[in-house]
């Protein structure tokens, strides 16, 4: 009996110690708003893709693993272990793993597909299917029904933020000096974020580009390659 008691106590001590290292991100209580990229990123640079040097997009990913888009847990992975590190509280926004091929069933859900962190922030992206989305056997029939959203969790205030209007119609971080928004597509081991902006929108709204950046985009055409954004996630 004594051995059993020790074993049980050891188990709960192990669980408690590991639970202290798990961050719970509550997206049900997340605050919506158009968030400037400079809130969590610094040293933001714009690079038209035609001037891109070889290797820019060769990203080395950090050691985190989200099992799939229908999971709520991010695991820290090393050579020997895979341990829970971040858990997202999605509440009624939790997609169904068992109905992952049923788009109709997962309307209005958050499918998290990108996560990274620094000492102060956890950044994430998720795919959202609107409640009014139309579907067929071949999949989604209205491209506007599928949107990608970005957000972050402030470890100090323990508050999550989603950079979008509450109706999900204006997603992404606002780009400094540009009339555009973006979502990070990857972050490398140096916490450098890479994202892209479609030049078509910038050409249509070129009068809203900050004079500081106009020389960089003065020869830009609507059918040019995307503009690459690089910024470092703040510690």
Foldseek 3Di string as FASTA:
>chain_A
DVVVVVVVVVVVVVVVVQVVQEAEAEPVQAAEAQAAPVVFWPPKDKAFCVPDDPPPPVFAAAQWDDPFQQAQFIWRDDPPDTHTHYGYRFDVQRADPVCVVPVLRNAQHWRWDDWDDDPFKIKTKTKHFHNPWDADNVGTDDPQRIDMWMWMAGPVVRHIYTNAPPNRNQHAHQYPQARHGWDFPGAHPQQKTKIWDQCLVCVVVVVSGHPVCCVVCVPPDNPGDTMMMITHGDD
